[in-house]
């Protein structure tokens, strides 16, 4: 894998939001991101896009898993990387 999980998560969420997250802190709640509606529908969109990006079955992620970049990355690593 050429990109780290964190970089892939950030890229997918930028695509979903339609805004760059370059300066956004990994641990900051995405619901507080300015100029983007990170509401429950956007969270579901993020979940769907991340599941697709990481080759996961639908339902592998929950909206709580995508509250922050850190949370999403940690959950995806737990699901996709060998122990």
Protein backbone atom coordinates (compact mmCIF):
# COMPACT_ATOMS: atom_id res chain seq x y z
CA UNK A 1 0.00 0.00 0.00
CA UNK A 2 1.57 3.27 -1.06
CA UNK A 3 -0.65 5.55 0.99
CA UNK A 4 -1.04 5.20 4.72
CA UNK A 5 -4.45 4.42 6.15
CA UNK A 6 -4.59 7.94 7.61
CA UNK A 7 -3.92 9.52 4.20
CA UNK A 8 -6.56 7.33 2.55
CA UNK A 9 -9.14 8.21 5.23
CA UNK A 10 -8.39 11.92 4.86
CA UNK A 11 -8.67 11.73 1.04
CA UNK A 12 -11.99 9.86 1.17
CA UNK A 13 -13.49 12.29 3.68
CA UNK A 14 -12.26 15.28 1.68
CA UNK A 15 -14.05 13.83 -1.32
CA UNK A 16 -17.24 13.30 0.65
CA UNK A 17 -17.17 16.78 2.17
CA UNK A 18 -15.99 18.52 -0.97
CA UNK A 19 -13.47 20.48 1.10
CA UNK A 20 -9.78 19.96 1.88
CA UNK A 21 -8.95 18.77 5.39
CA UNK A 22 -5.28 19.68 5.10
CA UNK A 23 -5.12 21.79 8.24
CA UNK A 24 -7.87 19.97 10.14
CA UNK A 25 -6.57 18.26 13.31
CA UNK A 26 -6.94 14.48 13.26
CA UNK A 27 -8.63 14.38 16.66
CA UNK A 28 -11.03 17.31 16.10
CA UNK A 29 -14.71 16.37 15.65
CA UNK A 30 -15.63 16.49 11.98
CA UNK A 31 -19.05 17.83 12.99
CA UNK A 32 -17.25 21.10 13.83
CA UNK A 33 -15.63 21.45 10.39
CA UNK A 34 -16.55 24.90 9.01
CA UNK A 35 -18.29 25.24 5.66
CA UNK A 36 -19.35 21.61 5.55
CA UNK A 37 -22.48 19.89 6.72
CA UNK A 38 -21.14 16.83 8.53
CA UNK A 39 -24.59 15.75 9.63
CA UNK A 40 -26.00 12.23 9.93
CA UNK A 41 -26.46 11.90 6.16
CA UNK A 42 -22.88 12.96 5.51
CA UNK A 43 -21.67 10.52 8.17
CA UNK A 44 -23.49 7.70 6.36
CA UNK A 45 -21.92 8.83 3.09
CA UNK A 46 -18.48 8.81 4.75
CA UNK A 47 -19.09 5.31 6.13
CA UNK A 48 -20.14 4.03 2.70
CA UNK A 49 -17.16 5.59 0.93
CA UNK A 50 -14.68 4.32 3.50
CA UNK A 51 -16.10 0.80 3.39
CA UNK A 52 -15.74 0.84 -0.40
CA UNK A 53 -12.21 2.32 -0.29
CA UNK A 54 -11.00 -0.30 2.18
CA UNK A 55 -12.86 -3.24 0.59
CA UNK A 56 -15.13 -3.84 3.56
CA UNK A 57 -18.60 -5.32 3.63
CA UNK A 58 -21.47 -2.84 4.07
CA UNK A 59 -22.17 -2.38 7.76
CA UNK A 60 -18.57 -2.92 8.85
CA UNK A 61 -18.39 0.69 10.05
CA UNK A 62 -20.75 2.72 12.17
CA UNK A 63 -21.27 6.47 12.12
CA UNK A 64 -19.51 6.67 15.51
CA UNK A 65 -16.41 5.30 13.75
CA UNK A 66 -16.19 8.42 11.59
CA UNK A 67 -16.54 11.13 14.23
CA UNK A 68 -12.89 12.16 13.81
CA UNK A 69 -10.09 11.32 11.41
CA UNK A 70 -8.28 9.54 14.26
CA UNK A 71 -11.31 7.40 15.09
CA UNK A 72 -11.90 6.43 11.46
CA UNK A 73 -8.25 5.55 10.89
CA UNK A 74 -8.01 3.48 14.08
CA UNK A 75 -11.17 1.52 13.28
CA UNK A 76 -10.13 0.89 9.70
CA UNK A 77 -6.69 -0.27 10.76
CA UNK A 78 -8.28 -2.65 13.26
CA UNK A 79 -10.51 -4.07 10.52
CA UNK A 80 -7.97 -4.32 7.71
CA UNK A 81 -4.46 -4.76 9.07
CA UNK A 82 -3.18 -8.07 10.40
CA UNK A 83 -2.79 -8.26 14.16
